[in-house]
Amino acid sequence: MSHRNEATAALKALSIATDACRECPLGEPATQSVFGEGPVGAVLMVVGEQPGDKEDLVGRPFVGPAGKLFDRAVAELGWSRDKLYVTNAVKHFKYELRGKRRIHKTPGQREAEACRHWLESEIELVQPRAFIALGGTAARSLLGRPVAVMKERGQWQENPAGHRVLVTLHPSALLRGDPEQREAAWEAWLKDLRVASEVMKKTAAAKSPGRAAPAPRPVRAPRRTRTTAPA
């Protein structure tokens, strides 16, 4: 079996494992876990906060209103979605009920920490060139420290593992913002994301005829974990 097939199979096994995970309270009320999707060896790994209502029901990341805004940005930047691996720092939807509506709640640090090893396993298997952190929860999970998103947005940061991480807003922040400022916010967000275009271009150049692709690192088995909350 090729490296790519081995890693793809391992990601599938991780997806199944996250669905059974009860290491924090979010798994029990959620419809299902929402694992990442995209190719092994993706140029960029895009990490959001957590699934939303639509993602929880469908079982796929970035398919709700914020996901559609992200897709629009990808199209405007001239990127290919099939070269991105898209996931979330937290794999289950955190919400509160208001009548029949499920309203998004920001995951706490304990919940993000409980999910960190799933994200780390995704990183080991996908082996992206760089990362985009959408929002504070994603940035903290990737960089291992609190992040002032508005201060650090649009800049490459480096985490303790040596990974390059571009910090910016989550698209849901644009949807919640002042409608009169939405166009300016959109342009500022695109400017942030455009910083990562250098990675896309360099990767395309490296794959041009006459250049050998780097040998893949060996696939590591998914980390073992508890599937029930500790007593």
Protein backbone atom coordinates (compact mmCIF):
# COMPACT_ATOMS: atom_id res chain seq x y z
CA MET A 1 0.00 0.00 0.00
CA SER A 2 1.33 3.45 -0.92
CA HIS A 3 2.11 6.13 1.65
CA ARG A 4 -0.89 8.18 0.51
CA ASN A 5 -3.27 5.23 0.79
CA GLU A 6 -1.92 4.28 4.21
CA ALA A 7 -2.36 7.82 5.50
CA THR A 8 -5.85 8.11 3.99
CA ALA A 9 -6.88 4.86 5.69
CA ALA A 10 -5.43 6.08 9.00
CA LEU A 11 -7.40 9.35 8.71
CA LYS A 12 -10.57 7.34 8.15
CA ALA A 13 -9.86 5.33 11.29
CA LEU A 14 -9.33 8.57 13.23
CA SER A 15 -12.64 9.93 11.95
CA ILE A 16 -14.46 6.88 13.28
CA ALA A 17 -12.64 7.16 16.60
CA THR A 18 -13.59 10.82 17.08
CA ASP A 19 -17.24 9.91 16.65
CA ALA A 20 -17.01 7.66 19.70
CA CYS A 21 -14.87 10.08 21.73
CA ARG A 22 -16.24 11.19 25.10
CA GLU A 23 -13.09 12.78 26.51
CA CYS A 24 -15.07 15.99 27.02
CA PRO A 25 -18.82 16.60 27.39
CA LEU A 26 -19.39 17.77 23.80
CA GLY A 27 -19.59 14.34 22.19
CA GLU A 28 -22.76 13.14 23.91
CA PRO A 29 -25.28 15.78 22.68
CA ALA A 30 -23.74 16.22 19.21
CA THR A 31 -25.24 14.45 16.20
CA GLN A 32 -21.81 13.19 15.18
CA SER A 33 -18.19 14.25 15.11
CA VAL A 34 -17.02 16.32 12.16
CA PHE A 35 -13.55 15.29 11.07
CA GLY A 36 -11.33 17.03 8.55
CA GLU A 37 -11.38 16.43 4.82
CA GLY A 38 -8.93 16.94 2.03
CA PRO A 39 -5.92 15.21 0.50
CA VAL A 40 -2.90 13.75 2.22
CA GLY A 41 -0.02 16.07 1.38
CA ALA A 42 -2.31 19.10 1.11
CA VAL A 43 -0.46 22.35 0.52
CA LEU A 44 -2.31 24.11 3.35
CA MET A 45 -4.19 22.81 6.36
CA VAL A 46 -6.97 25.26 7.25
CA VAL A 47 -8.09 24.95 10.87
CA GLY A 48 -11.30 26.48 12.18
CA GLU A 49 -12.84 26.52 15.64
CA GLN A 50 -15.51 23.80 15.72
CA PRO A 51 -18.39 22.48 13.58
CA GLY A 52 -21.52 24.61 13.34
CA ASP A 53 -25.14 23.48 13.24
CA LYS A 54 -25.08 22.56 9.54
CA GLU A 55 -21.74 20.76 9.83
CA ASP A 56 -23.00 18.77 12.82
CA LEU A 57 -26.02 17.58 10.82
CA VAL A 58 -24.18 16.86 7.56
CA GLY A 59 -20.95 15.52 9.08
CA ARG A 60 -18.60 17.63 6.92
CA PRO A 61 -16.50 20.71 7.79
CA PHE A 62 -17.15 24.18 6.38
CA VAL A 63 -20.48 23.55 4.66
CA GLY A 64 -22.55 26.15 6.54
CA PRO A 65 -22.71 29.94 5.98
CA ALA A 66 -19.12 30.50 7.16
CA GLY A 67 -17.95 27.66 4.93
CA LYS A 68 -19.63 29.22 1.91
CA LEU A 69 -17.84 32.50 2.65
CA PHE A 70 -14.57 30.60 2.87
CA ASP A 71 -15.26 28.94 -0.50
CA ARG A 72 -15.88 32.36 -2.02
CA ALA A 73 -12.50 33.54 -0.71
CA VAL A 74 -10.76 30.46 -2.10
CA ALA A 75 -12.28 31.16 -5.52
CA GLU A 76 -11.28 34.85 -5.45
CA LEU A 77 -7.71 33.98 -4.48
CA GLY A 78 -7.44 31.47 -7.32
CA TRP A 79 -6.69 28.58 -4.99
CA SER A 80 -7.92 25.03 -5.48
CA ARG A 81 -10.08 23.68 -2.66
CA ASP A 82 -8.92 20.17 -3.54
CA LYS A 83 -5.37 21.15 -2.48
CA LEU A 84 -6.53 22.21 0.98
CA TYR A 85 -7.16 20.07 4.03
CA VAL A 86 -9.93 21.66 6.08
CA THR A 87 -10.61 20.75 9.69
CA ASN A 88 -11.48 22.17 13.11
CA ALA A 89 -9.64 22.35 16.42
CA VAL A 90 -12.70 20.86 18.17
CA LYS A 91 -14.52 17.97 16.52
CA HIS A 92 -18.00 18.23 18.09
CA PHE A 93 -20.56 21.05 17.96
CA LYS A 94 -20.95 23.03 21.19
CA TYR A 95 -24.29 24.78 21.48
CA GLU A 96 -27.11 25.90 23.74
CA LEU A 97 -30.80 25.46 23.01
CA ARG A 98 -33.01 28.51 22.57
CA GLY A 99 -36.41 27.11 21.87
CA LYS A 100 -35.77 24.71 19.00
CA ARG A 101 -32.68 26.54 17.78
CA ARG A 102 -29.16 25.35 18.56
CA ILE A 103 -26.99 28.41 19.15
CA HIS A 104 -23.23 28.19 18.78
CA LYS A 105 -21.13 28.48 21.94
CA THR A 106 -17.37 29.00 21.89
CA PRO A 107 -15.56 25.86 23.09
CA GLY A 108 -13.65 26.18 26.33
CA GLN A 109 -9.96 25.54 26.79
CA ARG A 110 -10.62 22.16 28.41
CA GLU A 111 -12.57 21.04 25.34
CA ALA A 112 -9.91 22.30 22.95
CA GLU A 113 -7.20 20.53 24.97
CA ALA A 114 -9.18 17.28 24.94
CA CYS A 115 -9.31 17.48 21.13
CA ARG A 116 -5.71 18.55 20.61
CA HIS A 117 -4.36 15.04 20.05
CA TRP A 118 -6.87 14.46 17.22
CA LEU A 119 -5.56 17.56 15.46
CA GLU A 120 -1.96 16.53 16.08
CA SER A 121 -2.67 13.14 14.51
CA GLU A 122 -4.22 14.81 11.47
CA ILE A 123 -1.10 16.95 11.10
CA GLU A 124 1.17 13.89 11.31
CA LEU A 125 -0.78 12.11 8.58
CA VAL A 126 -1.56 14.99 6.21
CA GLN A 127 1.89 16.63 6.45
CA PRO A 128 0.85 20.03 5.05
CA ARG A 129 3.37 22.68 4.04
CA ALA A 130 1.77 25.35 6.24
CA PHE A 131 -1.35 26.21 8.24
CA ILE A 132 -4.07 28.83 8.32
CA ALA A 133 -5.64 29.37 11.75
CA LEU A 134 -9.15 30.81 11.52
CA GLY A 135 -9.87 32.46 14.85
CA GLY A 136 -8.48 32.34 18.37
CA THR A 137 -9.35 28.74 19.26
CA ALA A 138 -7.61 27.39 16.15
CA ALA A 139 -4.63 29.70 16.60
CA ARG A 140 -4.12 28.64 20.21
CA SER A 141 -4.39 24.94 19.31
CA LEU A 142 -1.77 25.30 16.56
CA LEU A 143 0.62 27.72 18.29
CA GLY A 144 0.28 26.39 21.84
CA ARG A 145 -0.27 29.83 23.36
CA PRO A 146 -2.97 32.51 23.69
CA VAL A 147 -3.22 34.53 20.47
CA ALA A 148 -4.41 38.11 20.01
CA VAL A 149 -5.96 37.53 16.59
CA MET A 150 -6.50 41.17 15.66
CA LYS A 151 -2.88 42.00 16.52
CA GLU A 152 -1.29 38.95 14.87
CA ARG A 153 -3.59 38.55 11.86
CA GLY A 154 -2.06 38.39 8.40
CA GLN A 155 1.36 37.35 9.71
CA TRP A 156 3.22 34.07 9.66
CA GLN A 157 3.89 32.70 13.13
CA GLU A 158 5.97 29.65 14.03
CA ASN A 159 4.91 27.06 16.59
CA PRO A 160 7.23 24.95 18.78
CA ALA A 161 7.24 22.17 16.15
CA GLY A 162 8.55 24.59 13.51
CA HIS A 163 5.27 24.79 11.55
CA ARG A 164 4.34 28.05 9.86
CA VAL A 165 0.90 29.29 10.90
CA LEU A 166 -0.96 32.21 9.31
CA VAL A 167 -3.42 33.74 11.79
CA THR A 168 -6.62 35.45 10.70
CA LEU A 169 -10.29 35.81 11.60
CA HIS A 170 -12.81 33.02 11.36
CA PRO A 171 -15.27 33.78 8.52
CA SER A 172 -18.15 33.69 11.01
CA ALA A 173 -16.71 36.91 12.50
CA LEU A 174 -17.38 38.63 9.20
CA LEU A 175 -20.96 37.35 9.16
CA ARG A 176 -21.56 38.69 12.67
CA GLY A 177 -19.96 42.07 11.99
CA ASP A 178 -21.49 45.43 11.19
CA PRO A 179 -23.19 45.15 7.76
CA GLU A 180 -21.94 48.62 6.85
CA GLN A 181 -18.36 47.49 7.46
CA ARG A 182 -18.74 44.08 5.83
CA GLU A 183 -17.11 44.93 2.51
CA ALA A 184 -14.07 46.48 4.21
CA ALA A 185 -13.84 43.50 6.56
CA TRP A 186 -14.01 41.16 3.56
CA GLU A 187 -11.16 42.93 1.76
CA ALA A 188 -9.03 42.93 4.93
CA TRP A 189 -9.67 39.20 5.37
CA LEU A 190 -8.72 38.46 1.77
CA LYS A 191 -5.52 40.44 2.31
CA ASP A 192 -4.69 38.20 5.28
CA LEU A 193 -5.37 35.01 3.35
CA ARG A 194 -3.44 36.23 0.31
CA VAL A 195 -0.24 35.99 2.38
CA ALA A 196 -0.57 32.19 2.05
CA SER A 197 -0.65 32.42 -1.76
CA GLU A 198 3.16 32.28 -1.73
CA VAL A 199 2.93 28.73 -0.37
CA MET A 200 0.49 27.70 -3.10
CA LYS A 201 2.73 29.18 -5.83
CA LYS A 202 5.94 27.65 -4.49
CA THR A 203 4.31 24.23 -4.30
CA ALA A 204 3.05 24.51 -7.87
CA ALA A 205 6.56 25.47 -9.02
CA ALA A 206 8.12 22.56 -7.12
CA LYS A 207 5.81 20.14 -8.95
CA SER A 208 6.82 21.45 -12.38
CA PRO A 209 8.65 19.04 -14.75
CA GLY A 210 12.26 18.38 -13.89
CA ARG A 211 11.88 18.75 -10.13
CA ALA A 212 11.72 15.68 -7.93
CA ALA A 213 9.12 15.61 -5.16
CA PRO A 214 10.46 15.12 -1.61
CA ALA A 215 10.16 11.63 -0.16
CA PRO A 216 7.19 11.27 2.20
CA ARG A 217 7.75 10.75 5.89
CA PRO A 218 6.63 7.39 7.27
CA VAL A 219 3.00 7.09 8.32
CA ARG A 220 2.47 6.87 12.05
CA ALA A 221 -0.37 4.87 13.50
CA PRO A 222 -3.22 6.90 15.03
CA ARG A 223 -2.75 7.60 18.72
CA ARG A 224 -4.74 5.45 21.06
CA THR A 225 -7.23 7.28 23.24
CA ARG A 226 -10.03 6.77 25.71
CA THR A 227 -13.51 6.79 24.20
CA THR A 228 -15.31 7.33 27.46
CA ALA A 229 -15.03 10.18 29.93
CA PRO A 230 -12.95 9.43 33.00
CA ALA A 231 -14.93 8.71 36.13
